[in-house]
Structures are given as structure tokens and as C-alpha cells.
PDB file of all heavy atoms in Angstrom:
ATOM      1  N   SER A   1       2.613  11.053  12.105  1.00  0.00           N
ATOM      2  CA  SER A   1       3.650  12.037  11.823  1.00  0.00           C
ATOM      3  C   SER A   1       4.752  11.399  10.997  1.00  0.00           C
ATOM      4  O   SER A   1       4.976  10.187  11.060  1.00  0.00           O
ATOM      5  CB  SER A   1       4.245  12.591  13.126  1.00  0.00           C
ATOM      6  OG  SER A   1       5.280  13.516  12.858  1.00  0.00           O
ATOM      7  N   PHE A   2       5.452  12.244  10.242  1.00  0.00           N
ATOM      8  CA  PHE A   2       6.702  11.864   9.586  1.00  0.00           C
ATOM      9  C   PHE A   2       7.883  12.623  10.184  1.00  0.00           C
ATOM     10  O   PHE A   2       8.990  12.572   9.657  1.00  0.00           O
ATOM     11  CB  PHE A   2       6.641  12.165   8.081  1.00  0.00           C
ATOM     12  CG  PHE A   2       5.640  11.334   7.326  1.00  0.00           C
ATOM     13  CD1 PHE A   2       4.382  11.834   7.027  1.00  0.00           C
ATOM     14  CD2 PHE A   2       5.953  10.048   6.911  1.00  0.00           C
ATOM     15  CE1 PHE A   2       3.456  11.076   6.330  1.00  0.00           C
ATOM     16  CE2 PHE A   2       5.035   9.277   6.213  1.00  0.00           C
ATOM     17  CZ  PHE A   2       3.783   9.797   5.924  1.00  0.00           C
ATOM     18  N   ASP A   3       7.644  13.336  11.259  1.00  0.00           N
ATOM     19  CA  ASP A   3       8.647  14.212  11.858  1.00  0.00           C
ATOM     20  C   ASP A   3       9.760  13.381  12.486  1.00  0.00           C
ATOM     21  O   ASP A   3       9.520  12.595  13.401  1.00  0.00           O
ATOM     22  CB  ASP A   3       7.992  15.105  12.907  1.00  0.00           C
ATOM     23  CG  ASP A   3       8.921  16.209  13.407  1.00  0.00           C
ATOM     24  OD1 ASP A   3      10.133  16.131  13.135  1.00  0.00           O
ATOM     25  OD2 ASP A   3       8.416  17.126  14.081  1.00  0.00           O
ATOM     26  N   THR A   4      10.977  13.547  11.999  1.00  0.00           N
ATOM     27  CA  THR A   4      12.098  12.763  12.533  1.00  0.00           C
ATOM     28  C   THR A   4      12.576  13.280  13.880  1.00  0.00           C
ATOM     29  O   THR A   4      13.399  12.636  14.530  1.00  0.00           O
ATOM     30  CB  THR A   4      13.269  12.767  11.540  1.00  0.00           C
ATOM     31  OG1 THR A   4      13.626  14.120  11.233  1.00  0.00           O
ATOM     32  CG2 THR A   4      12.887  12.047  10.259  1.00  0.00           C
ATOM     33  N   ALA A   5      12.081  14.430  14.296  1.00  0.00           N
ATOM     34  CA  ALA A   5      12.408  14.888  15.646  1.00  0.00           C
ATOM     35  C   ALA A   5      11.683  14.060  16.692  1.00  0.00           C
ATOM     36  O   ALA A   5      12.057  14.048  17.873  1.00  0.00           O
ATOM     37  CB  ALA A   5      12.051  16.370  15.797  1.00  0.00           C
ATOM     38  N   LEU A   6      10.622  13.371  16.263  1.00  0.00           N
ATOM     39  CA  LEU A   6       9.891  12.462  17.131  1.00  0.00           C
ATOM     40  C   LEU A   6      10.431  11.049  16.935  1.00  0.00           C
ATOM     41  O   LEU A   6      11.285  10.808  16.089  1.00  0.00           O
ATOM     42  CB  LEU A   6       8.398  12.521  16.810  1.00  0.00           C
ATOM     43  CG  LEU A   6       7.776  13.927  16.848  1.00  0.00           C
ATOM     44  CD1 LEU A   6       6.335  13.875  16.349  1.00  0.00           C
ATOM     45  CD2 LEU A   6       7.838  14.505  18.254  1.00  0.00           C
ATOM     46  N   ASP A   7       9.930  10.111  17.705  1.00  0.00           N
ATOM     47  CA  ASP A   7      10.355   8.721  17.565  1.00  0.00           C
ATOM     48  C   ASP A   7       9.727   8.156  16.287  1.00  0.00           C
ATOM     49  O   ASP A   7       8.541   7.847  16.251  1.00  0.00           O
ATOM     50  CB  ASP A   7       9.921   7.912  18.787  1.00  0.00           C
ATOM     51  CG  ASP A   7      10.490   6.505  18.780  1.00  0.00           C
ATOM     52  OD1 ASP A   7      10.949   6.045  17.718  1.00  0.00           O
ATOM     53  OD2 ASP A   7      10.486   5.862  19.848  1.00  0.00           O
ATOM     54  N   TYR A   8      10.536   8.025  15.235  1.00  0.00           N
ATOM     55  CA  TYR A   8      10.030   7.647  13.915  1.00  0.00           C
ATOM     56  C   TYR A   8       9.319   6.298  13.963  1.00  0.00           C
ATOM     57  O   TYR A   8       8.222   6.133  13.424  1.00  0.00           O
ATOM     58  CB  TYR A   8      11.194   7.605  12.924  1.00  0.00           C
ATOM     59  CG  TYR A   8      10.786   7.409  11.482  1.00  0.00           C
ATOM     60  CD1 TYR A   8      10.624   8.495  10.634  1.00  0.00           C
ATOM     61  CD2 TYR A   8      10.577   6.136  10.959  1.00  0.00           C
ATOM     62  CE1 TYR A   8      10.250   8.328   9.305  1.00  0.00           C
ATOM     63  CE2 TYR A   8      10.208   5.951   9.639  1.00  0.00           C
ATOM     64  CZ  TYR A   8      10.046   7.055   8.822  1.00  0.00           C
ATOM     65  OH  TYR A   8       9.669   6.865   7.508  1.00  0.00           O
ATOM     66  N   GLN A   9       9.917   5.325  14.611  1.00  0.00           N
ATOM     67  CA  GLN A   9       9.369   3.969  14.584  1.00  0.00           C
ATOM     68  C   GLN A   9       8.162   3.804  15.497  1.00  0.00           C
ATOM     69  O   GLN A   9       7.461   2.790  15.407  1.00  0.00           O
ATOM     70  CB  GLN A   9      10.441   2.956  14.964  1.00  0.00           C
ATOM     71  CG  GLN A   9      11.569   2.878  13.950  1.00  0.00           C
ATOM     72  CD  GLN A   9      12.389   1.617  14.113  1.00  0.00           C
ATOM     73  OE1 GLN A   9      11.907   0.516  13.880  1.00  0.00           O
ATOM     74  NE2 GLN A   9      13.635   1.775  14.517  1.00  0.00           N
ATOM     75  N   ALA A  10       7.895   4.779  16.366  1.00  0.00           N
ATOM     76  CA  ALA A  10       6.762   4.667  17.287  1.00  0.00           C
ATOM     77  C   ALA A  10       5.508   5.343  16.759  1.00  0.00           C
ATOM     78  O   ALA A  10       4.465   5.311  17.421  1.00  0.00           O
ATOM     79  CB  ALA A  10       7.138   5.265  18.642  1.00  0.00           C
ATOM     80  N   GLN A  11       5.561   5.945  15.563  1.00  0.00           N
ATOM     81  CA  GLN A  11       4.396   6.643  15.036  1.00  0.00           C
ATOM     82  C   GLN A  11       3.277   5.658  14.673  1.00  0.00           C
ATOM     83  O   GLN A  11       3.518   4.480  14.422  1.00  0.00           O
ATOM     84  CB  GLN A  11       4.789   7.475  13.822  1.00  0.00           C
ATOM     85  CG  GLN A  11       5.745   8.604  14.137  1.00  0.00           C
ATOM     86  CD  GLN A  11       5.206   9.538  15.210  1.00  0.00           C
ATOM     87  OE1 GLN A  11       4.059   9.985  15.124  1.00  0.00           O
ATOM     88  NE2 GLN A  11       6.023   9.823  16.226  1.00  0.00           N
ATOM     89  N   THR A  12       2.059   6.174  14.651  1.00  0.00           N
ATOM     90  CA  THR A  12       0.894   5.357  14.312  1.00  0.00           C
ATOM     91  C   THR A  12       0.680   5.369  12.800  1.00  0.00           C
ATOM     92  O   THR A  12       0.751   6.422  12.160  1.00  0.00           O
ATOM     93  CB  THR A  12      -0.355   5.887  15.027  1.00  0.00           C
ATOM     94  OG1 THR A  12      -0.121   5.879  16.440  1.00  0.00           O
ATOM     95  CG2 THR A  12      -1.572   5.026  14.716  1.00  0.00           C
ATOM     96  N   HIS A  13       0.409   4.193  12.267  1.00  0.00           N
ATOM     97  CA  HIS A  13       0.261   3.997  10.817  1.00  0.00           C
ATOM     98  C   HIS A  13      -0.933   3.069  10.625  1.00  0.00           C
ATOM     99  O   HIS A  13      -0.949   1.936  11.115  1.00  0.00           O
ATOM    100  CB  HIS A  13       1.550   3.349  10.283  1.00  0.00           C
ATOM    101  CG  HIS A  13       1.565   3.045   8.811  1.00  0.00           C
ATOM    102  ND1 HIS A  13       0.995   1.905   8.282  1.00  0.00           N
ATOM    103  CD2 HIS A  13       2.123   3.707   7.765  1.00  0.00           C
ATOM    104  CE1 HIS A  13       1.204   1.882   6.974  1.00  0.00           C
ATOM    105  NE2 HIS A  13       1.885   2.962   6.634  1.00  0.00           N
ATOM    106  N   VAL A  14      -1.965   3.555   9.939  1.00  0.00           N
ATOM    107  CA  VAL A  14      -3.192   2.784   9.727  1.00  0.00           C
ATOM    108  C   VAL A  14      -3.431   2.628   8.237  1.00  0.00           C
ATOM    109  O   VAL A  14      -3.348   3.606   7.487  1.00  0.00           O
ATOM    110  CB  VAL A  14      -4.415   3.477  10.369  1.00  0.00           C
ATOM    111  CG1 VAL A  14      -5.662   2.603  10.226  1.00  0.00           C
ATOM    112  CG2 VAL A  14      -4.158   3.805  11.830  1.00  0.00           C
ATOM    113  N   VAL A  15      -3.712   1.408   7.805  1.00  0.00           N
ATOM    114  CA  VAL A  15      -4.103   1.148   6.423  1.00  0.00           C
ATOM    115  C   VAL A  15      -5.570   0.733   6.420  1.00  0.00           C
ATOM    116  O   VAL A  15      -5.970  -0.160   7.169  1.00  0.00           O
ATOM    117  CB  VAL A  15      -3.242   0.045   5.781  1.00  0.00           C
ATOM    118  CG1 VAL A  15      -3.682  -0.194   4.341  1.00  0.00           C
ATOM    119  CG2 VAL A  15      -1.765   0.420   5.821  1.00  0.00           C
ATOM    120  N   PHE A  16      -6.350   1.383   5.586  1.00  0.00           N
ATOM    121  CA  PHE A  16      -7.792   1.134   5.485  1.00  0.00           C
ATOM    122  C   PHE A  16      -8.099   0.799   4.029  1.00  0.00           C
ATOM    123  O   PHE A  16      -7.816   1.580   3.123  1.00  0.00           O
ATOM    124  CB  PHE A  16      -8.549   2.382   5.939  1.00  0.00           C
ATOM    125  CG  PHE A  16     -10.053   2.262   5.946  1.00  0.00           C
ATOM    126  CD1 PHE A  16     -10.703   1.047   6.132  1.00  0.00           C
ATOM    127  CD2 PHE A  16     -10.845   3.397   5.784  1.00  0.00           C
ATOM    128  CE1 PHE A  16     -12.079   0.949   6.150  1.00  0.00           C
ATOM    129  CE2 PHE A  16     -12.227   3.327   5.794  1.00  0.00           C
ATOM    130  CZ  PHE A  16     -12.848   2.101   5.978  1.00  0.00           C
ATOM    131  N   ASP A  17      -8.689  -0.382   3.807  1.00  0.00           N
ATOM    132  CA  ASP A  17      -8.934  -0.903   2.459  1.00  0.00           C
ATOM    133  C   ASP A  17     -10.389  -0.690   2.070  1.00  0.00           C
ATOM    134  O   ASP A  17     -11.288  -1.333   2.611  1.00  0.00           O
ATOM    135  CB  ASP A  17      -8.572  -2.390   2.420  1.00  0.00           C
ATOM    136  CG  ASP A  17      -8.754  -3.001   1.035  1.00  0.00           C
ATOM    137  OD1 ASP A  17      -9.142  -2.270   0.106  1.00  0.00           O
ATOM    138  OD2 ASP A  17      -8.492  -4.207   0.893  1.00  0.00           O
ATOM    139  N   MET A  18     -10.603   0.194   1.113  1.00  0.00           N
ATOM    140  CA  MET A  18     -11.963   0.478   0.607  1.00  0.00           C
ATOM    141  C   MET A  18     -12.022   0.216  -0.891  1.00  0.00           C
ATOM    142  O   MET A  18     -12.788   0.856  -1.619  1.00  0.00           O
ATOM    143  CB  MET A  18     -12.317   1.944   0.870  1.00  0.00           C
ATOM    144  CG  MET A  18     -12.100   2.403   2.287  1.00  0.00           C
ATOM    145  SD  MET A  18     -11.973   4.209   2.362  1.00  0.00           S
ATOM    146  CE  MET A  18     -10.373   4.452   1.581  1.00  0.00           C
ATOM    147  N   GLY A  19     -11.210  -0.701  -1.375  1.00  0.00           N
ATOM    148  CA  GLY A  19     -11.008  -0.822  -2.807  1.00  0.00           C
ATOM    149  C   GLY A  19     -11.699  -1.991  -3.464  1.00  0.00           C
ATOM    150  O   GLY A  19     -12.436  -2.758  -2.837  1.00  0.00           O
ATOM    151  N   PRO A  20     -11.404  -2.187  -4.746  1.00  0.00           N
ATOM    152  CA  PRO A  20     -12.029  -3.248  -5.533  1.00  0.00           C
ATOM    153  C   PRO A  20     -11.321  -4.587  -5.385  1.00  0.00           C
ATOM    154  O   PRO A  20     -10.131  -4.644  -5.063  1.00  0.00           O
ATOM    155  CB  PRO A  20     -11.895  -2.728  -6.972  1.00  0.00           C
ATOM    156  CG  PRO A  20     -10.624  -1.914  -6.941  1.00  0.00           C
ATOM    157  CD  PRO A  20     -10.594  -1.275  -5.581  1.00  0.00           C
ATOM    158  N   TYR A  21     -12.063  -5.630  -5.618  1.00  0.00           N
ATOM    159  CA  TYR A  21     -11.503  -6.970  -5.804  1.00  0.00           C
ATOM    160  C   TYR A  21     -11.057  -7.042  -7.259  1.00  0.00           C
ATOM    161  O   TYR A  21     -11.864  -6.898  -8.178  1.00  0.00           O
ATOM    162  CB  TYR A  21     -12.578  -8.014  -5.509  1.00  0.00           C
ATOM    163  CG  TYR A  21     -12.115  -9.451  -5.615  1.00  0.00           C
ATOM    164  CD1 TYR A  21     -11.763 -10.167  -4.484  1.00  0.00           C
ATOM    165  CD2 TYR A  21     -12.044 -10.095  -6.846  1.00  0.00           C
ATOM    166  CE1 TYR A  21     -11.355 -11.495  -4.573  1.00  0.00           C
ATOM    167  CE2 TYR A  21     -11.630 -11.410  -6.952  1.00  0.00           C
ATOM    168  CZ  TYR A  21     -11.295 -12.103  -5.806  1.00  0.00           C
ATOM    169  OH  TYR A  21     -10.875 -13.417  -5.892  1.00  0.00           O
ATOM    170  N   ARG A  22      -9.718  -7.273  -7.500  1.00  0.00           N
ATOM    171  CA  ARG A  22      -9.217  -7.069  -8.869  1.00  0.00           C
ATOM    172  C   ARG A  22      -8.642  -8.322  -9.528  1.00  0.00           C
ATOM    173  O   ARG A  22      -8.690  -8.445 -10.747  1.00  0.00           O
ATOM    174  CB  ARG A  22      -8.179  -5.943  -8.860  1.00  0.00           C
ATOM    175  CG  ARG A  22      -8.771  -4.620  -8.405  1.00  0.00           C
ATOM    176  CD  ARG A  22      -7.887  -3.435  -8.721  1.00  0.00           C
ATOM    177  NE  ARG A  22      -6.724  -3.319  -7.860  1.00  0.00           N
ATOM    178  CZ  ARG A  22      -5.916  -2.257  -7.827  1.00  0.00           C
ATOM    179  NH1 ARG A  22      -6.162  -1.226  -8.628  1.00  0.00           N
ATOM    180  NH2 ARG A  22      -4.876  -2.205  -7.018  1.00  0.00           N
ATOM    181  N   THR A  23      -8.028  -9.241  -8.779  1.00  0.00           N
ATOM    182  CA  THR A  23      -7.476 -10.458  -9.375  1.00  0.00           C
ATOM    183  C   THR A  23      -7.652 -11.608  -8.401  1.00  0.00           C
ATOM    184  O   THR A  23      -8.103 -11.429  -7.268  1.00  0.00           O
ATOM    185  CB  THR A  23      -5.966 -10.317  -9.695  1.00  0.00           C
ATOM    186  OG1 THR A  23      -5.216 -10.420  -8.474  1.00  0.00           O
ATOM    187  CG2 THR A  23      -5.650  -8.996 -10.380  1.00  0.00           C
ATOM    188  N   ASP A  24      -7.221 -12.810  -8.820  1.00  0.00           N
ATOM    189  CA  ASP A  24      -7.299 -13.980  -7.942  1.00  0.00           C
ATOM    190  C   ASP A  24      -6.390 -13.852  -6.731  1.00  0.00           C
ATOM    191  O   ASP A  24      -6.536 -14.597  -5.760  1.00  0.00           O
ATOM    192  CB  ASP A  24      -6.931 -15.245  -8.719  1.00  0.00           C
ATOM    193  CG  ASP A  24      -8.001 -15.635  -9.719  1.00  0.00           C
ATOM    194  OD1 ASP A  24      -9.135 -15.130  -9.589  1.00  0.00           O
ATOM    195  OD2 ASP A  24      -7.710 -16.430 -10.632  1.00  0.00           O
ATOM    196  N   HIS A  25      -5.425 -12.939  -6.777  1.00  0.00           N
ATOM    197  CA  HIS A  25      -4.586 -12.691  -5.604  1.00  0.00           C
ATOM    198  C   HIS A  25      -5.262 -11.765  -4.594  1.00  0.00           C
ATOM    199  O   HIS A  25      -4.766 -11.596  -3.490  1.00  0.00           O
ATOM    200  CB  HIS A  25      -3.244 -12.083  -6.034  1.00  0.00           C
ATOM    201  CG  HIS A  25      -2.231 -13.110  -6.427  1.00  0.00           C
ATOM    202  ND1 HIS A  25      -1.159 -12.833  -7.237  1.00  0.00           N
ATOM    203  CD2 HIS A  25      -2.121 -14.421  -6.124  1.00  0.00           C
ATOM    204  CE1 HIS A  25      -0.435 -13.921  -7.412  1.00  0.00           C
ATOM    205  NE2 HIS A  25      -1.004 -14.896  -6.751  1.00  0.00           N
ATOM    206  N   SER A  26      -6.391 -11.140  -4.985  1.00  0.00           N
ATOM    207  CA  SER A  26      -7.132 -10.301  -4.054  1.00  0.00           C
ATOM    208  C   SER A  26      -7.780 -11.173  -2.985  1.00  0.00           C
ATOM    209  O   SER A  26      -8.127 -12.332  -3.236  1.00  0.00           O
ATOM    210  CB  SER A  26      -8.208  -9.503  -4.783  1.00  0.00           C
ATOM    211  OG  SER A  26      -7.649  -8.627  -5.734  1.00  0.00           O
ATOM    212  N   HIS A  27      -7.944 -10.594  -1.805  1.00  0.00           N
ATOM    213  CA  HIS A  27      -8.666 -11.274  -0.736  1.00  0.00           C
ATOM    214  C   HIS A  27     -10.041 -10.640  -0.570  1.00  0.00           C
ATOM    215  O   HIS A  27     -10.299  -9.529  -1.050  1.00  0.00           O
ATOM    216  CB  HIS A  27      -7.867 -11.191   0.569  1.00  0.00           C
ATOM    217  CG  HIS A  27      -6.674 -12.086   0.589  1.00  0.00           C
ATOM    218  ND1 HIS A  27      -5.891 -12.289   1.716  1.00  0.00           N
ATOM    219  CD2 HIS A  27      -6.110 -12.849  -0.382  1.00  0.00           C
ATOM    220  CE1 HIS A  27      -4.912 -13.129   1.437  1.00  0.00           C
ATOM    221  NE2 HIS A  27      -5.023 -13.480   0.167  1.00  0.00           N
ATOM    222  N   LEU A  28     -10.913 -11.347   0.136  1.00  0.00           N
ATOM    223  CA  LEU A  28     -12.285 -10.883   0.359  1.00  0.00           C
ATOM    224  C   LEU A  28     -12.291 -10.030   1.624  1.00  0.00           C
ATOM    225  O   LEU A  28     -12.842 -10.409   2.653  1.00  0.00           O
ATOM    226  CB  LEU A  28     -13.221 -12.089   0.472  1.00  0.00           C
ATOM    227  CG  LEU A  28     -13.214 -12.996  -0.766  1.00  0.00           C
ATOM    228  CD1 LEU A  28     -13.953 -14.306  -0.483  1.00  0.00           C
ATOM    229  CD2 LEU A  28     -13.832 -12.285  -1.968  1.00  0.00           C
ATOM    230  N   ASP A  29     -11.684  -8.849   1.524  1.00  0.00           N
ATOM    231  CA  ASP A  29     -11.312  -8.080   2.710  1.00  0.00           C
ATOM    232  C   ASP A  29     -11.790  -6.638   2.687  1.00  0.00           C
ATOM    233  O   ASP A  29     -11.131  -5.753   3.239  1.00  0.00           O
ATOM    234  CB  ASP A  29      -9.793  -8.107   2.873  1.00  0.00           C
ATOM    235  CG  ASP A  29      -9.050  -7.509   1.674  1.00  0.00           C
ATOM    236  OD1 ASP A  29      -9.704  -7.178   0.674  1.00  0.00           O
ATOM    237  OD2 ASP A  29      -7.818  -7.365   1.750  1.00  0.00           O
ATOM    238  N   ALA A  30     -12.925  -6.364   2.066  1.00  0.00           N
ATOM    239  CA  ALA A  30     -13.406  -4.987   1.985  1.00  0.00           C
ATOM    240  C   ALA A  30     -13.578  -4.389   3.373  1.00  0.00           C
ATOM    241  O   ALA A  30     -14.132  -5.016   4.280  1.00  0.00           O
ATOM    242  CB  ALA A  30     -14.724  -4.938   1.226  1.00  0.00           C
ATOM    243  N   LEU A  31     -13.082  -3.164   3.552  1.00  0.00           N
ATOM    244  CA  LEU A  31     -13.100  -2.380   4.786  1.00  0.00           C
ATOM    245  C   LEU A  31     -12.184  -2.969   5.858  1.00  0.00           C
ATOM    246  O   LEU A  31     -12.363  -2.725   7.051  1.00  0.00           O
ATOM    247  CB  LEU A  31     -14.524  -2.190   5.308  1.00  0.00           C
ATOM    248  CG  LEU A  31     -15.520  -1.575   4.307  1.00  0.00           C
ATOM    249  CD1 LEU A  31     -16.832  -1.243   5.010  1.00  0.00           C
ATOM    250  CD2 LEU A  31     -14.961  -0.340   3.630  1.00  0.00           C
ATOM    251  N   ASN A  32     -11.186  -3.686   5.422  1.00  0.00           N
ATOM    252  CA  ASN A  32     -10.156  -4.220   6.322  1.00  0.00           C
ATOM    253  C   ASN A  32      -9.298  -3.083   6.872  1.00  0.00           C
ATOM    254  O   ASN A  32      -9.033  -2.088   6.191  1.00  0.00           O
ATOM    255  CB  ASN A  32      -9.291  -5.204   5.524  1.00  0.00           C
ATOM    256  CG  ASN A  32      -8.220  -5.872   6.356  1.00  0.00           C
ATOM    257  OD1 ASN A  32      -8.426  -6.177   7.521  1.00  0.00           O
ATOM    258  ND2 ASN A  32      -7.066  -6.101   5.749  1.00  0.00           N
ATOM    259  N   VAL A  33      -8.845  -3.227   8.114  1.00  0.00           N
ATOM    260  CA  VAL A  33      -7.986  -2.244   8.770  1.00  0.00           C
ATOM    261  C   VAL A  33      -6.748  -2.950   9.302  1.00  0.00           C
ATOM    262  O   VAL A  33      -6.847  -4.023   9.908  1.00  0.00           O
ATOM    263  CB  VAL A  33      -8.720  -1.545   9.937  1.00  0.00           C
ATOM    264  CG1 VAL A  33      -7.767  -0.651  10.726  1.00  0.00           C
ATOM    265  CG2 VAL A  33      -9.887  -0.719   9.421  1.00  0.00           C
ATOM    266  N   VAL A  34      -5.564  -2.364   9.071  1.00  0.00           N
ATOM    267  CA  VAL A  34      -4.320  -2.849   9.668  1.00  0.00           C
ATOM    268  C   VAL A  34      -3.736  -1.698  10.480  1.00  0.00           C
ATOM    269  O   VAL A  34      -3.590  -0.585   9.973  1.00  0.00           O
ATOM    270  CB  VAL A  34      -3.317  -3.320   8.597  1.00  0.00           C
ATOM    271  CG1 VAL A  34      -2.001  -3.740   9.242  1.00  0.00           C
ATOM    272  CG2 VAL A  34      -3.905  -4.472   7.790  1.00  0.00           C
ATOM    273  N   LEU A  35      -3.426  -1.970  11.734  1.00  0.00           N
ATOM    274  CA  LEU A  35      -2.952  -0.933  12.652  1.00  0.00           C
ATOM    275  C   LEU A  35      -1.550  -1.239  13.150  1.00  0.00           C
ATOM    276  O   LEU A  35      -1.296  -2.311  13.706  1.00  0.00           O
ATOM    277  CB  LEU A  35      -3.898  -0.818  13.849  1.00  0.00           C
ATOM    278  CG  LEU A  35      -3.415   0.045  15.031  1.00  0.00           C
ATOM    279  CD1 LEU A  35      -3.235   1.498  14.610  1.00  0.00           C
ATOM    280  CD2 LEU A  35      -4.400  -0.067  16.198  1.00  0.00           C
ATOM    281  N   TYR A  36      -0.651  -0.293  12.937  1.00  0.00           N
ATOM    282  CA  TYR A  36       0.693  -0.303  13.519  1.00  0.00           C
ATOM    283  C   TYR A  36       0.779   0.906  14.440  1.00  0.00           C
ATOM    284  O   TYR A  36       0.427   2.027  14.052  1.00  0.00           O
ATOM    285  CB  TYR A  36       1.747  -0.210  12.414  1.00  0.00           C
ATOM    286  CG  TYR A  36       3.164  -0.008  12.923  1.00  0.00           C
ATOM    287  CD1 TYR A  36       4.066  -1.068  12.964  1.00  0.00           C
ATOM    288  CD2 TYR A  36       3.602   1.243  13.352  1.00  0.00           C
ATOM    289  CE1 TYR A  36       5.369  -0.881  13.434  1.00  0.00           C
ATOM    290  CE2 TYR A  36       4.889   1.435  13.822  1.00  0.00           C
ATOM    291  CZ  TYR A  36       5.766   0.371  13.864  1.00  0.00           C
ATOM    292  OH  TYR A  36       7.050   0.557  14.321  1.00  0.00           O
ATOM    293  N   SER A  37       1.251   0.694  15.671  1.00  0.00           N
ATOM    294  CA  SER A  37       1.414   1.812  16.590  1.00  0.00           C
ATOM    295  C   SER A  37       2.339   1.396  17.720  1.00  0.00           C
ATOM    296  O   SER A  37       2.494   0.194  18.011  1.00  0.00           O
ATOM    297  CB  SER A  37       0.049   2.248  17.161  1.00  0.00           C
ATOM    298  OG  SER A  37       0.117   3.517  17.761  1.00  0.00           O
ATOM    299  N   ALA A  38       2.981   2.373  18.331  1.00  0.00           N
ATOM    300  CA  ALA A  38       3.853   2.137  19.481  1.00  0.00           C
ATOM    301  C   ALA A  38       4.946   1.115  19.172  1.00  0.00           C
ATOM    302  O   ALA A  38       5.330   0.310  20.018  1.00  0.00           O
ATOM    303  CB  ALA A  38       3.031   1.689  20.695  1.00  0.00           C
ATOM    304  N   GLY A  39       5.420   1.114  17.903  1.00  0.00           N
ATOM    305  CA  GLY A  39       6.579   0.313  17.554  1.00  0.00           C
ATOM    306  C   GLY A  39       6.310  -1.076  17.043  1.00  0.00           C
ATOM    307  O   GLY A  39       7.262  -1.842  16.812  1.00  0.00           O
ATOM    308  N   ARG A  40       5.027  -1.445  16.804  1.00  0.00           N
ATOM    309  CA  ARG A  40       4.760  -2.787  16.295  1.00  0.00           C
ATOM    310  C   ARG A  40       3.380  -2.854  15.656  1.00  0.00           C
ATOM    311  O   ARG A  40       2.535  -1.972  15.849  1.00  0.00           O
ATOM    312  CB  ARG A  40       4.872  -3.830  17.400  1.00  0.00           C
ATOM    313  CG  ARG A  40       3.841  -3.702  18.516  1.00  0.00           C
ATOM    314  CD  ARG A  40       3.747  -4.988  19.326  1.00  0.00           C
ATOM    315  NE  ARG A  40       3.300  -6.087  18.489  1.00  0.00           N
ATOM    316  CZ  ARG A  40       3.602  -7.371  18.720  1.00  0.00           C
ATOM    317  NH1 ARG A  40       4.360  -7.699  19.747  1.00  0.00           N
ATOM    318  NH2 ARG A  40       3.141  -8.316  17.927  1.00  0.00           N
ATOM    319  N   THR A  41       3.147  -3.938  14.905  1.00  0.00           N
ATOM    320  CA  THR A  41       1.827  -4.195  14.350  1.00  0.00           C
ATOM    321  C   THR A  41       0.916  -4.679  15.464  1.00  0.00           C
ATOM    322  O   THR A  41       1.252  -5.621  16.196  1.00  0.00           O
ATOM    323  CB  THR A  41       1.893  -5.250  13.241  1.00  0.00           C
ATOM    324  OG1 THR A  41       2.732  -4.764  12.191  1.00  0.00           O
ATOM    325  CG2 THR A  41       0.513  -5.536  12.677  1.00  0.00           C
ATOM    326  N   LEU A  42      -0.248  -4.055  15.589  1.00  0.00           N
ATOM    327  CA  LEU A  42      -1.199  -4.416  16.640  1.00  0.00           C
ATOM    328  C   LEU A  42      -2.424  -5.128  16.078  1.00  0.00           C
ATOM    329  O   LEU A  42      -2.893  -6.104  16.648  1.00  0.00           O
ATOM    330  CB  LEU A  42      -1.607  -3.167  17.412  1.00  0.00           C
ATOM    331  CG  LEU A  42      -0.456  -2.506  18.176  1.00  0.00           C
ATOM    332  CD1 LEU A  42      -0.893  -1.177  18.770  1.00  0.00           C
ATOM    333  CD2 LEU A  42       0.072  -3.432  19.275  1.00  0.00           C
ATOM    334  N   LEU A  43      -2.968  -4.648  14.978  1.00  0.00           N
ATOM    335  CA  LEU A  43      -4.029  -5.354  14.258  1.00  0.00           C
ATOM    336  C   LEU A  43      -3.450  -5.759  12.912  1.00  0.00           C
ATOM    337  O   LEU A  43      -3.013  -4.913  12.138  1.00  0.00           O
ATOM    338  CB  LEU A  43      -5.249  -4.450  14.042  1.00  0.00           C
ATOM    339  CG  LEU A  43      -5.947  -3.922  15.287  1.00  0.00           C
ATOM    340  CD1 LEU A  43      -7.030  -2.920  14.895  1.00  0.00           C
ATOM    341  CD2 LEU A  43      -6.544  -5.060  16.104  1.00  0.00           C
ATOM    342  N   THR A  44      -3.438  -7.044  12.635  1.00  0.00           N
ATOM    343  CA  THR A  44      -2.742  -7.538  11.448  1.00  0.00           C
ATOM    344  C   THR A  44      -3.688  -8.201  10.471  1.00  0.00           C
ATOM    345  O   THR A  44      -4.728  -8.756  10.852  1.00  0.00           O
ATOM    346  CB  THR A  44      -1.638  -8.538  11.842  1.00  0.00           C
ATOM    347  OG1 THR A  44      -0.893  -8.906  10.683  1.00  0.00           O
ATOM    348  CG2 THR A  44      -2.221  -9.792  12.486  1.00  0.00           C
ATOM    349  N   ASP A  45      -3.327  -8.152   9.211  1.00  0.00           N
ATOM    350  CA  ASP A  45      -3.927  -9.033   8.217  1.00  0.00           C
ATOM    351  C   ASP A  45      -3.367 -10.429   8.456  1.00  0.00           C
ATOM    352  O   ASP A  45      -2.269 -10.590   9.002  1.00  0.00           O
ATOM    353  CB  ASP A  45      -3.565  -8.539   6.819  1.00  0.00           C
ATOM    354  CG  ASP A  45      -4.442  -9.151   5.741  1.00  0.00           C
ATOM    355  OD1 ASP A  45      -4.313 -10.368   5.508  1.00  0.00           O
ATOM    356  OD2 ASP A  45      -5.222  -8.424   5.116  1.00  0.00           O
ATOM    357  N   SER A  46      -4.080 -11.450   8.037  1.00  0.00           N
ATOM    358  CA  SER A  46      -3.647 -12.820   8.321  1.00  0.00           C
ATOM    359  C   SER A  46      -2.564 -13.334   7.391  1.00  0.00           C
ATOM    360  O   SER A  46      -1.936 -14.353   7.668  1.00  0.00           O
ATOM    361  CB  SER A  46      -4.853 -13.774   8.274  1.00  0.00           C
ATOM    362  OG  SER A  46      -5.739 -13.476   9.321  1.00  0.00           O
ATOM    363  N   GLY A  47      -2.320 -12.666   6.253  1.00  0.00           N
ATOM    364  CA  GLY A  47      -1.279 -13.110   5.333  1.00  0.00           C
ATOM    365  C   GLY A  47      -1.817 -14.017   4.246  1.00  0.00           C
ATOM    366  O   GLY A  47      -3.017 -14.067   3.975  1.00  0.00           O
TER     367      GLY A  47
END
């Protein structure tokens, strides 16, 4: 949700990577998932 009547920072936010490898800064991470929910990152990329 983006509804500000709800707790904005507690909303669930998922990033799903289905894209191309494009430069040397790209990682070998096809179908990677990053999950933020309940106010914090729960599944993280390693950086």
C-alpha cells in the first residue's frame, strides 16, 4: 500500500530482479528477491 492512513513505514515492499546483465557493475543475480516488511529489511542483497 501507499495509503498514508496506514502505517507507511510498516508496508511490505518486494523487489524482484528479472533483468539483463548490463555492465561490470551488474551482479550475477537473476531472479533475486529483496524483501522489506514490518518496518525493516528481512531478505537482503549482500551489497
